[in-house]
Amino acid sequence: MGTPDVGAAGVGAEGIGTDGGGAEGTGAEAIAAVGLGAPDAGARGVRQLVSADFSVADAIGGWRGLAESIAPGLVFVVAYVATQEIGPSLTASLVVAGVAVLARLAARSPLTQAFSGVVGVLIGVLWAWRSGQAEDYFAWGLVTNLAFALGVLISILVRWPAVGVVVGLIRGTGTSWRRDPDHVRRYAIATWLWFGLFAVRLLVQIPLYLNAEVAWLGTARLVMGVPLWALTLWLTWLLVREPAAAATRPVPPGSPPMR
């Protein structure tokens, strides 16, 4: 992982916000939170893709969003390593996520990222509590990464690269980009970057999950979460950015869409 305001990775999580387990942003929240219309000066998450200047802080949902993304998973790992008890570790993680939501409510600030994070944490807590296996706290994150990897891969194969769809929604230009071969090419390359993000996470984390390496798994999710999502988003921005004049230039009406 986002939108992508999503973002947690949320699109998401590790950080395209937070995903299941609250330790990583897949970007799921970021992608899910994409709205229509032009971005404003405070664009967050994947809306940074159409900003004139890229801001790492805004891409990850601000420093508060960063804390909300990593704190529950970090607390779980530290508590479990210290106690080797799954119950107190799950409780501590859930409490931290709940405090983040209450803080947002008290400040009357947007709840999208905090709520998406607490939902992911709750799923991870329930999964681990039912199985009694600490590594299952991170299972939902693996599932969401797999789903996003398959989703973006399919979008490339059918020549509707996910990045193009997302950027079209943010800019309010719909699918007009498909009539421009250069746009299609750049969006496809950028979508391969997103696929690489999800695939690398799975390649590293699935073996750790299968071997019940809870401490290493939690560490990997933190390292490959927000930092890796921010890097992917920046590289995507480099590929899809364009001068304001070019962004608003209409595509000739007779141009056929790419197939």
Protein backbone atom coordinates (compact mmCIF):
# COMPACT_ATOMS: atom_id res chain seq x y z
CA MET A 1 0.00 0.00 0.00
CA GLY A 2 -2.89 4.48 -0.60
CA THR A 3 -6.62 6.06 -1.74
CA PRO A 4 -4.58 5.80 -1.46
CA ASP A 5 -6.84 9.57 2.52
CA VAL A 6 -6.75 5.36 1.59
CA GLY A 7 -4.58 4.30 2.79
CA ALA A 8 -3.87 2.85 4.74
CA ALA A 9 -2.56 1.38 3.34
CA GLY A 10 -5.36 2.21 5.00
CA VAL A 11 -5.09 0.71 -0.99
CA GLY A 12 -3.94 0.16 2.76
CA ALA A 13 -1.11 -0.41 5.37
CA GLU A 14 2.97 -1.94 5.89
CA GLY A 15 1.30 1.15 4.16
CA ILE A 16 -1.33 1.82 -1.41
CA GLY A 17 -2.57 3.01 5.28
CA THR A 18 -2.94 -0.19 7.30
CA ASP A 19 -4.24 -3.55 6.34
CA GLY A 20 -5.16 -6.59 8.38
CA GLY A 21 -3.25 -6.74 11.62
CA GLY A 22 -2.57 -3.02 11.58
CA ALA A 23 1.09 -3.40 10.87
CA GLU A 24 1.29 -2.63 7.20
CA GLY A 25 -0.32 -0.32 4.66
CA THR A 26 -1.27 -2.14 1.52
CA GLY A 27 -2.72 0.87 0.15
CA ALA A 28 -6.14 -0.68 0.32
CA GLU A 29 -7.60 2.21 2.25
CA ALA A 30 -5.94 4.65 -0.07
CA ILE A 31 -7.38 3.04 -3.17
CA ALA A 32 -10.80 2.57 -1.63
CA ALA A 33 -10.99 6.22 -0.59
CA VAL A 34 -10.39 7.67 -4.07
CA GLY A 35 -12.97 10.30 -4.85
CA LEU A 36 -13.97 12.11 -8.00
CA GLY A 37 -12.91 15.63 -8.86
CA ALA A 38 -9.73 17.65 -8.78
CA PRO A 39 -7.35 17.18 -5.85
CA ASP A 40 -6.82 20.04 -3.46
CA ALA A 41 -3.60 21.40 -2.01
CA GLY A 42 -3.82 18.97 0.89
CA ALA A 43 -4.23 15.85 -1.22
CA ARG A 44 -3.60 12.68 0.76
CA GLY A 45 -2.77 9.11 -0.17
CA VAL A 46 -2.99 8.20 -3.84
CA ARG A 47 -4.43 11.64 -4.62
CA GLN A 48 -0.80 12.73 -4.38
CA LEU A 49 -0.36 11.15 -7.82
CA VAL A 50 -1.94 14.20 -9.46
CA SER A 51 -0.35 16.83 -7.23
CA ALA A 52 2.18 19.28 -8.67
CA ASP A 53 4.65 18.39 -5.91
CA PHE A 54 4.97 15.09 -4.12
CA SER A 55 4.77 15.11 -0.32
CA VAL A 56 5.79 11.99 1.56
CA ALA A 57 3.90 13.14 4.66
CA ASP A 58 0.65 13.59 2.70
CA ALA A 59 1.19 10.32 0.81
CA ILE A 60 1.19 8.34 4.05
CA GLY A 61 -1.75 10.24 5.54
CA GLY A 62 0.34 12.61 7.63
CA TRP A 63 2.44 11.75 10.66
CA ARG A 64 -0.68 11.00 12.66
CA GLY A 65 -1.79 8.57 9.98
CA LEU A 66 1.66 6.97 10.08
CA ALA A 67 1.40 6.45 13.82
CA GLU A 68 -2.09 4.98 13.49
CA SER A 69 -0.83 2.60 10.81
CA ILE A 70 2.15 1.16 12.62
CA ALA A 71 1.31 1.43 16.34
CA PRO A 72 -1.13 -1.51 16.74
CA GLY A 73 1.15 -3.99 14.97
CA LEU A 74 4.26 -2.69 16.72
CA VAL A 75 2.59 -2.96 20.13
CA PHE A 76 1.44 -6.51 19.35
CA VAL A 77 4.93 -7.66 18.36
CA VAL A 78 6.64 -6.02 21.34
CA ALA A 79 4.06 -7.39 23.78
CA TYR A 80 4.22 -10.90 22.34
CA VAL A 81 8.03 -11.02 22.30
CA ALA A 82 8.09 -9.80 25.90
CA THR A 83 5.37 -12.08 27.30
CA GLN A 84 4.95 -14.95 24.81
CA GLU A 85 1.26 -14.62 25.68
CA ILE A 86 -1.19 -14.12 22.83
CA GLY A 87 -4.12 -12.81 24.92
CA PRO A 88 -2.45 -9.72 26.44
CA SER A 89 -0.70 -8.97 23.15
CA LEU A 90 -3.98 -8.98 21.19
CA THR A 91 -5.66 -6.86 23.86
CA ALA A 92 -2.85 -4.29 23.81
CA SER A 93 -3.03 -3.99 20.02
CA LEU A 94 -6.79 -3.55 20.04
CA VAL A 95 -6.61 -0.93 22.79
CA VAL A 96 -4.07 1.11 20.81
CA ALA A 97 -6.27 0.99 17.69
CA GLY A 98 -9.31 1.97 19.74
CA VAL A 99 -7.48 4.92 21.31
CA ALA A 100 -6.64 6.19 17.82
CA VAL A 101 -10.31 6.20 16.87
CA LEU A 102 -11.32 7.91 20.12
CA ALA A 103 -8.64 10.56 19.59
CA ARG A 104 -10.03 11.23 16.11
CA LEU A 105 -13.55 11.50 17.52
CA ALA A 106 -12.42 13.91 20.22
CA ALA A 107 -10.64 16.07 17.67
CA ARG A 108 -13.55 15.80 15.21
CA SER A 109 -11.09 14.88 12.49
CA PRO A 110 -11.73 12.46 9.56
CA LEU A 111 -12.15 8.87 10.74
CA THR A 112 -11.47 7.06 7.46
CA GLN A 113 -7.90 5.96 8.17
CA ALA A 114 -8.41 5.29 11.88
CA PHE A 115 -11.55 3.20 11.29
CA SER A 116 -10.02 1.25 8.40
CA GLY A 117 -7.03 0.54 10.64
CA VAL A 118 -9.12 -0.64 13.59
CA VAL A 119 -11.18 -2.92 11.32
CA GLY A 120 -7.98 -4.55 10.08
CA VAL A 121 -6.72 -4.93 13.65
CA LEU A 122 -10.04 -6.40 14.78
CA ILE A 123 -9.97 -8.99 11.99
CA GLY A 124 -6.38 -9.91 12.91
CA VAL A 125 -7.26 -10.15 16.60
CA LEU A 126 -10.29 -12.38 15.97
CA TRP A 127 -8.33 -14.62 13.57
CA ALA A 128 -5.47 -15.11 16.04
CA TRP A 129 -7.79 -15.51 19.02
CA ARG A 130 -9.81 -18.26 17.32
CA SER A 131 -6.74 -20.18 16.16
CA GLY A 132 -4.58 -19.53 19.20
CA GLN A 133 -1.63 -18.86 16.88
CA ALA A 134 0.09 -15.47 17.17
CA GLU A 135 1.15 -15.46 13.51
CA ASP A 136 -2.52 -15.46 12.49
CA TYR A 137 -2.70 -11.86 13.68
CA PHE A 138 -1.01 -11.07 10.36
CA ALA A 139 -2.97 -13.51 8.17
CA TRP A 140 -5.53 -10.98 6.97
CA GLY A 141 -2.73 -8.74 5.73
CA LEU A 142 -1.39 -11.59 3.61
CA VAL A 143 -4.86 -12.21 2.18
CA THR A 144 -5.33 -8.54 1.24
CA ASN A 145 -1.87 -8.33 -0.34
CA LEU A 146 -2.64 -11.44 -2.40
CA ALA A 147 -5.99 -10.00 -3.49
CA PHE A 148 -4.43 -6.71 -4.55
CA ALA A 149 -1.56 -8.46 -6.34
CA LEU A 150 -4.02 -10.52 -8.37
CA GLY A 151 -6.25 -7.52 -8.99
CA VAL A 152 -3.53 -5.25 -10.38
CA LEU A 153 -2.03 -8.12 -12.40
CA ILE A 154 -5.38 -8.82 -14.05
CA SER A 155 -5.81 -5.11 -14.77
CA ILE A 156 -2.50 -5.14 -16.67
CA LEU A 157 -3.32 -8.31 -18.60
CA VAL A 158 -6.68 -6.92 -19.77
CA ARG A 159 -5.02 -3.58 -20.64
CA TRP A 160 -6.89 -1.57 -18.06
CA PRO A 161 -3.94 -0.82 -15.72
CA ALA A 162 -5.18 -0.04 -12.22
CA VAL A 163 -3.07 3.09 -11.91
CA GLY A 164 -4.75 4.56 -14.99
CA VAL A 165 -8.19 3.83 -13.55
CA VAL A 166 -7.27 5.43 -10.22
CA VAL A 167 -5.71 8.53 -11.81
CA GLY A 168 -8.68 8.90 -14.15
CA LEU A 169 -11.04 8.86 -11.17
CA ILE A 170 -9.01 11.42 -9.25
CA ARG A 171 -8.66 13.77 -12.20
CA GLY A 172 -12.27 13.33 -13.21
CA THR A 173 -11.21 12.42 -16.75
CA GLY A 174 -12.72 8.94 -16.71
CA THR A 175 -11.19 6.59 -19.27
CA SER A 176 -10.04 9.19 -21.81
CA TRP A 177 -6.44 8.20 -21.03
CA ARG A 178 -7.00 4.93 -22.92
CA ARG A 179 -6.98 6.85 -26.23
CA ASP A 180 -3.39 7.97 -25.58
CA PRO A 181 -0.79 5.18 -26.12
CA ASP A 182 1.79 7.07 -24.03
CA HIS A 183 -0.58 7.27 -21.07
CA VAL A 184 -1.48 3.60 -21.36
CA ARG A 185 2.21 2.64 -21.45
CA ARG A 186 3.15 4.76 -18.44
CA TYR A 187 0.15 3.61 -16.42
CA ALA A 188 0.97 -0.02 -17.20
CA ILE A 189 4.57 0.41 -16.01
CA ALA A 190 3.35 2.10 -12.84
CA THR A 191 0.86 -0.71 -12.22
CA TRP A 192 3.69 -3.23 -12.52
CA LEU A 193 5.36 -1.33 -9.67
CA TRP A 194 2.24 -1.84 -7.56
CA PHE A 195 2.20 -5.53 -8.41
CA GLY A 196 5.86 -5.73 -7.42
CA LEU A 197 5.08 -4.13 -4.07
CA PHE A 198 2.43 -6.71 -3.19
CA ALA A 199 4.42 -9.61 -4.63
CA VAL A 200 7.61 -8.77 -2.69
CA ARG A 201 5.64 -8.53 0.54
CA LEU A 202 4.15 -11.97 -0.05
CA LEU A 203 7.46 -13.55 -1.05
CA VAL A 204 9.10 -12.33 2.16
CA GLN A 205 6.24 -12.70 4.61
CA ILE A 206 4.56 -15.98 3.66
CA PRO A 207 7.62 -18.10 4.61
CA LEU A 208 7.84 -16.23 7.94
CA TYR A 209 4.14 -16.85 8.53
CA LEU A 210 4.39 -20.55 7.71
CA ASN A 211 7.35 -20.90 10.09
CA ALA A 212 5.55 -18.96 12.86
CA GLU A 213 8.35 -16.40 13.05
CA VAL A 214 6.15 -13.82 14.74
CA ALA A 215 8.85 -11.27 15.63
CA TRP A 216 10.45 -11.36 12.18
CA LEU A 217 7.06 -11.32 10.47
CA GLY A 218 5.97 -8.27 12.42
CA THR A 219 9.27 -6.54 11.67
CA ALA A 220 9.00 -7.34 7.98
CA ARG A 221 5.49 -5.92 7.84
CA LEU A 222 6.60 -2.70 9.50
CA VAL A 223 9.62 -2.27 7.21
CA MET A 224 7.71 -3.25 4.06
CA GLY A 225 4.66 -1.25 5.02
CA VAL A 226 4.51 2.53 5.07
CA PRO A 227 8.11 3.07 3.85
CA LEU A 228 7.72 0.75 0.86
CA TRP A 229 4.26 2.11 0.05
CA ALA A 230 5.56 5.70 0.12
CA LEU A 231 8.45 4.76 -2.18
CA THR A 232 6.09 3.01 -4.60
CA LEU A 233 3.74 5.98 -4.61
CA TRP A 234 6.63 8.38 -5.32
CA LEU A 235 7.89 6.25 -8.22
CA THR A 236 4.32 6.07 -9.54
CA TRP A 237 4.04 9.86 -9.31
CA LEU A 238 7.25 10.24 -11.34
CA LEU A 239 5.70 8.07 -14.06
CA VAL A 240 2.23 9.60 -14.23
CA ARG A 241 2.86 13.28 -13.53
CA GLU A 242 2.53 15.71 -16.38
CA PRO A 243 2.49 19.49 -16.89
CA ALA A 244 -0.78 21.20 -16.01
CA ALA A 245 -1.33 22.16 -19.64
CA ALA A 246 -0.90 18.57 -20.80
CA ALA A 247 -3.19 17.27 -18.05
CA THR A 248 -6.02 19.51 -19.20
CA ARG A 249 -5.48 19.12 -22.94
CA PRO A 250 -8.47 17.22 -24.39
CA VAL A 251 -7.90 14.00 -26.28
CA PRO A 252 -9.02 14.26 -29.93
CA PRO A 253 -12.59 12.90 -30.08
CA GLY A 254 -11.78 10.63 -33.01
CA SER A 255 -8.99 8.81 -31.20
CA PRO A 256 -9.91 5.15 -30.58
CA PRO A 257 -9.31 3.64 -27.15
CA MET A 258 -6.43 1.20 -26.69
CA ARG A 259 -7.42 -2.45 -26.83
